Protein backbone atom coordinates (compact mmCIF):
# COMPACT_ATOMS: atom_id res chain seq x y z
CA UNK A 1 -22.86 -16.23 7.80
CA UNK A 2 -22.08 -13.71 10.44
CA UNK A 3 -20.73 -14.67 13.61
CA UNK A 4 -19.23 -13.26 16.77
CA UNK A 5 -16.68 -16.08 16.48
CA UNK A 6 -13.12 -14.75 16.44
CA UNK A 7 -10.05 -16.53 15.85
CA UNK A 8 -7.21 -14.95 17.92
CA UNK A 9 -3.76 -15.82 19.30
CA UNK A 10 -3.67 -18.14 22.14
CA UNK A 11 -3.56 -16.22 25.59
CA UNK A 12 -2.72 -17.97 28.80
CA UNK A 13 -5.00 -15.78 31.05
CA UNK A 14 -7.91 -16.65 28.92
CA UNK A 15 -6.87 -20.44 29.06
CA UNK A 16 -6.99 -20.10 32.86
CA UNK A 17 -10.20 -18.58 32.96
CA UNK A 18 -12.12 -20.96 30.83
CA UNK A 19 -10.36 -23.97 32.53
CA UNK A 20 -11.37 -22.44 35.81
CA UNK A 21 -14.99 -22.36 34.93
CA UNK A 22 -14.84 -25.82 33.42
CA UNK A 23 -13.41 -27.25 36.67
CA UNK A 24 -16.40 -25.19 38.66
CA UNK A 25 -18.97 -26.78 36.62
CA UNK A 26 -17.39 -30.41 36.83
CA UNK A 27 -17.21 -29.90 40.58
CA UNK A 28 -21.22 -29.10 40.79
CA UNK A 29 -21.54 -32.38 38.80
CA UNK A 30 -19.59 -34.21 40.99
CA UNK A 31 -21.89 -33.12 44.13
CA UNK A 32 -24.81 -35.12 42.87
CA UNK A 33 -23.57 -38.67 43.72
CA UNK A 34 -22.24 -37.43 47.00
CA UNK A 35 -25.59 -36.23 47.79
CA UNK A 36 -27.32 -39.48 46.75
CA UNK A 37 -24.84 -41.38 48.76
CA UNK A 38 -25.38 -38.91 51.98
CA UNK A 39 -29.20 -39.56 51.70
CA UNK A 40 -29.10 -43.20 51.27
CA UNK A 41 -26.47 -43.31 54.36
CA UNK A 42 -28.89 -41.43 56.56
CA UNK A 43 -32.19 -42.77 55.32
CA UNK A 44 -33.11 -39.46 54.04
CA UNK A 45 -36.21 -39.80 51.77
CA UNK A 46 -36.92 -37.59 48.93
CA UNK A 47 -40.38 -36.79 47.15
CA UNK A 48 -40.74 -37.59 43.33
CA UNK A 49 -41.10 -33.74 43.04
CA UNK A 50 -37.68 -33.03 44.68
CA UNK A 51 -36.17 -36.02 42.55
CA UNK A 52 -37.32 -34.25 39.51
CA UNK A 53 -36.22 -31.13 40.42
CA UNK A 54 -32.88 -32.53 41.32
CA UNK A 55 -32.39 -34.34 38.03
CA UNK A 56 -33.55 -31.20 35.95
CA UNK A 57 -30.65 -29.14 37.95
CA UNK A 58 -28.36 -32.01 36.94
CA UNK A 59 -29.27 -31.54 33.44
CA UNK A 60 -28.92 -27.92 33.37
CA UNK A 61 -25.47 -28.10 35.11
CA UNK A 62 -24.29 -30.92 32.86
CA UNK A 63 -25.28 -28.57 30.01
CA UNK A 64 -23.27 -25.70 31.45
CA UNK A 65 -20.31 -27.93 31.90
CA UNK A 66 -20.52 -29.07 28.09
CA UNK A 67 -20.55 -25.46 27.15
CA UNK A 68 -17.76 -24.27 29.29
CA UNK A 69 -15.79 -27.39 27.98
CA UNK A 70 -16.40 -26.91 24.39
CA UNK A 71 -15.27 -23.19 24.76
CA UNK A 72 -12.08 -24.40 26.38
CA UNK A 73 -11.35 -27.07 23.86
CA UNK A 74 -12.26 -24.76 21.09
CA UNK A 75 -9.79 -22.01 22.14
CA UNK A 76 -7.05 -24.42 23.35
CA UNK A 77 -7.06 -26.60 20.16
CA UNK A 78 -8.23 -24.31 17.23
CA UNK A 79 -7.52 -20.70 18.90
CA UNK A 80 -11.18 -19.80 18.48
CA UNK A 81 -12.84 -17.73 21.21
CA UNK A 82 -16.68 -18.48 21.26
CA UNK A 83 -19.30 -16.24 22.59
CA UNK A 84 -21.90 -17.88 24.87
CA UNK A 85 -24.43 -17.59 21.96
CA UNK A 86 -22.46 -19.26 19.42
CA UNK A 87 -21.32 -22.01 21.81
CA UNK A 88 -24.85 -22.63 22.66
CA UNK A 89 -25.74 -22.72 18.94
CA UNK A 90 -23.12 -25.21 18.25
CA UNK A 91 -23.61 -27.39 21.36
CA UNK A 92 -27.06 -28.18 19.87
CA UNK A 93 -25.31 -30.47 17.39
CA UNK A 94 -24.82 -34.16 18.93
CA UNK A 95 -21.32 -33.96 17.37
CA UNK A 96 -20.30 -31.16 19.72
CA UNK A 97 -21.28 -33.25 22.80
CA UNK A 98 -19.82 -36.27 21.58
CA UNK A 99 -16.41 -34.52 21.10
CA UNK A 100 -16.73 -32.99 24.64
CA UNK A 101 -17.50 -36.48 26.11
CA UNK A 102 -14.67 -38.35 24.05
CA UNK A 103 -12.18 -35.83 25.17
CA UNK A 104 -13.10 -36.47 28.76
CA UNK A 105 -12.65 -40.23 28.12
CA UNK A 106 -9.59 -39.95 26.50
CA UNK A 107 -8.00 -37.97 29.16
CA UNK A 108 -9.37 -40.42 31.87
CA UNK A 109 -8.29 -43.39 30.16
CA UNK A 110 -4.84 -42.05 29.86
CA UNK A 111 -4.49 -40.97 33.28
CA UNK A 112 -5.66 -44.36 34.74
CA UNK A 113 -3.79 -46.46 31.99
CA UNK A 114 -0.07 -47.79 32.02
CA UNK A 115 2.89 -45.43 31.31
CA UNK A 116 4.08 -47.49 28.28
CA UNK A 117 4.88 -45.64 25.09
CA UNK A 118 2.25 -47.60 23.29
CA UNK A 119 -0.23 -45.64 25.66
CA UNK A 120 1.31 -42.58 25.01
CA UNK A 121 1.07 -43.00 21.12
CA UNK A 122 -2.59 -44.12 21.17
CA UNK A 123 -3.38 -41.07 23.47
CA UNK A 124 -1.72 -38.73 20.97
CA UNK A 125 -3.52 -40.15 18.01
CA UNK A 126 -6.90 -39.75 19.77
CA UNK A 127 -6.34 -36.17 20.94
CA UNK A 128 -5.28 -35.32 17.35
CA UNK A 129 -8.38 -36.89 16.04
CA UNK A 130 -10.68 -35.06 18.44
CA UNK A 131 -8.84 -31.84 17.57
CA UNK A 132 -9.53 -32.47 13.75
CA UNK A 133 -13.14 -33.05 14.69
CA UNK A 134 -13.41 -29.73 16.66
CA UNK A 135 -11.80 -28.07 13.72
CA UNK A 136 -14.39 -29.29 11.22
CA UNK A 137 -17.13 -28.46 13.71
CA UNK A 138 -16.10 -24.83 13.82
CA UNK A 139 -15.06 -24.32 10.19
CA UNK A 140 -18.70 -23.01 8.97
CA UNK A 141 -18.78 -20.58 11.93
CA UNK A 142 -15.59 -18.97 11.65
CA UNK A 143 -15.59 -15.70 9.59
CA UNK A 144 -13.55 -16.02 6.60
CA UNK A 145 -11.40 -13.24 5.33
CA UNK A 146 -12.42 -11.86 2.13
CA UNK A 147 -9.78 -11.79 -0.56
CA UNK A 148 -10.17 -9.05 -3.25
CA UNK A 149 -11.62 -10.33 -6.43
CA UNK A 150 -9.67 -10.49 -9.77
CA UNK A 151 -11.59 -7.38 -11.04
CA UNK A 152 -10.47 -5.22 -7.98
CA UNK A 153 -6.94 -6.51 -8.10
CA UNK A 154 -6.84 -5.55 -11.87
CA UNK A 155 -7.72 -2.03 -10.93
CA UNK A 156 -4.68 -1.53 -8.83
CA UNK A 157 -2.33 1.05 -10.51
CA UNK A 158 0.61 -0.55 -12.06
CA UNK A 159 4.18 0.70 -11.44
CA UNK A 160 5.66 2.19 -14.56
CA UNK A 161 8.23 0.06 -16.15
CA UNK A 162 11.82 0.52 -15.03
CA UNK A 163 14.05 2.15 -17.42
CA UNK A 164 16.97 -0.12 -18.42
CA UNK A 165 20.41 1.20 -17.34
CA UNK A 166 23.71 0.44 -18.97
CA UNK A 167 26.07 -1.61 -17.17
CA UNK A 168 29.12 0.23 -15.76
CA UNK A 169 31.22 -2.54 -16.52
CA UNK A 170 30.74 -2.15 -20.43
CA UNK A 171 31.14 1.83 -20.20
CA UNK A 172 34.28 1.34 -18.02
CA UNK A 173 33.34 4.09 -15.30
CA UNK A 174 31.91 3.56 -11.92
CA UNK A 175 28.51 5.14 -12.39
CA UNK A 176 25.56 3.71 -14.27
CA UNK A 177 24.54 5.83 -17.09
CA UNK A 178 21.14 5.67 -18.64
CA UNK A 179 20.83 4.34 -22.14
CA UNK A 180 21.79 6.95 -24.88
CA UNK A 181 18.76 8.54 -26.77
CA UNK A 182 18.03 6.95 -30.26
CA UNK A 183 19.42 8.74 -32.95
CA UNK A 184 16.91 10.72 -35.17
CA UNK A 185 16.39 9.65 -38.78
CA UNK A 186 18.66 10.71 -41.42
CA UNK A 187 17.50 13.64 -43.60
CA UNK A 188 17.81 13.10 -47.31
CA UNK A 189 17.71 15.45 -50.16
CA UNK A 190 17.16 15.49 -53.69
CA UNK A 191 19.00 17.82 -56.21
CA UNK A 192 15.97 20.05 -56.05
CA UNK A 193 15.30 19.97 -52.42
CA UNK A 194 18.91 20.66 -51.59
CA UNK A 195 19.26 23.49 -54.14
CA UNK A 196 16.34 25.18 -52.58
CA UNK A 197 18.05 24.55 -48.94
CA UNK A 198 21.20 26.37 -50.15
CA UNK A 199 19.36 29.03 -52.23
CA UNK A 200 20.70 28.14 -55.72
CA UNK A 201 19.27 26.72 -58.90
CA UNK A 202 19.12 23.06 -59.35
CA UNK A 203 21.33 23.54 -62.61
CA UNK A 204 24.08 25.34 -60.72
CA UNK A 205 24.09 22.39 -58.03
CA UNK A 206 24.36 19.77 -60.84
CA UNK A 207 27.28 21.86 -62.53
CA UNK A 208 29.18 22.20 -59.37
CA UNK A 209 28.82 18.46 -58.79
CA UNK A 210 29.90 17.52 -62.14
CA UNK A 211 32.89 20.03 -62.07
CA UNK A 212 33.94 18.33 -58.61
CA UNK A 213 33.52 21.66 -56.64
CA UNK A 214 30.94 19.86 -54.43
CA UNK A 215 30.95 16.36 -53.12
CA UNK A 216 29.00 13.69 -55.05
CA UNK A 217 25.59 12.79 -53.51
CA UNK A 218 25.12 9.39 -52.04
CA UNK A 219 23.54 6.68 -54.26
CA UNK A 220 20.44 5.17 -52.88
CA UNK A 221 17.59 2.88 -54.05
CA UNK A 222 15.63 5.85 -55.11
CA UNK A 223 18.38 7.86 -56.73
CA UNK A 224 21.19 10.39 -55.54
CA UNK A 225 20.56 12.17 -52.50
CA UNK A 226 22.19 14.80 -50.37
CA UNK A 227 22.72 14.28 -46.52
CA UNK A 228 23.30 16.63 -43.58
CA UNK A 229 27.17 16.19 -44.32
CA UNK A 230 26.60 17.66 -47.62
CA UNK A 231 24.84 20.80 -45.87
CA UNK A 232 27.53 21.14 -43.55
CA UNK A 233 29.91 21.25 -46.11
CA UNK A 234 28.10 23.80 -48.23
CA UNK A 235 27.89 26.06 -44.99
CA UNK A 236 31.61 25.58 -44.34
CA UNK A 237 33.53 24.25 -47.13
CA UNK A 238 36.88 22.81 -46.76
CA UNK A 239 39.89 24.94 -47.46
CA UNK A 240 41.76 23.43 -50.35
CA UNK A 241 45.26 22.17 -49.62
CA UNK A 242 48.07 24.34 -50.59
CA UNK A 243 49.94 23.77 -53.89
CA UNK A 244 53.40 24.37 -54.82
CA UNK A 245 54.81 25.56 -58.05
CA UNK A 246 53.57 28.17 -60.40
CA UNK A 247 49.61 28.50 -60.54
CA UNK A 248 49.45 27.39 -64.26
CA UNK A 249 51.33 24.11 -63.63
CA UNK A 250 49.05 23.51 -60.38
CA UNK A 251 45.89 24.03 -62.40
CA UNK A 252 47.04 21.52 -64.85
CA UNK A 253 47.70 19.11 -62.25
CA UNK A 254 44.35 19.81 -60.84
CA UNK A 255 42.66 19.02 -64.17
CA UNK A 256 43.08 22.46 -66.15
CA UNK A 257 41.51 25.76 -65.74
CA UNK A 258 37.47 25.59 -65.76
């Protein structure tokens, strides 16, 4: 339901304006008893038409007072600023007139009552009850804030996951370093593939391994396999340690001449 009703922050200047107009309307209503009393004291006789016109004007002024009082109470109690159009629409309900009338009775009874704490407690209870009734009356007319639907909220871009950072307490330095990159999978070679890699025949490779001239391959569940360390050794072989004595004796110690 579209409505010009707005929920706003309380403003003292607006309260004063609404209060002034409500007091003005109440002042007009207070004149009617004085006019009747003046006519009776001075023997002024009015025609039925004049009385009907006066009663009609009184009803009109009373509706205007209820309208002003409804706008004042709605703003003071609920922070809702009513337009004249919406206030007239709400005032057609009997509940609205009863709330305005009850509010005036509560104030009047409190002013003319005693000053005991019991009277104060009763006054607060009645005012709160009147305020809750006003909130209930205004709820269907207040424009609700539209919340985004689940479908719309799911379309919102998600933030990329934050990359974990290694704690500096473990690394021992003051700066937080990112996690190291995962190691690449180990490359394994068969006799045939490794021989092709070093550009020799498979038979030559087997002979060198058997003679101890090249490191033994690693044993795996799928047979012997060469690794990157074997390839590094093939490119840059380790220098043999220096031997003492005559070459003939050194060869015997090493296992004889091949």
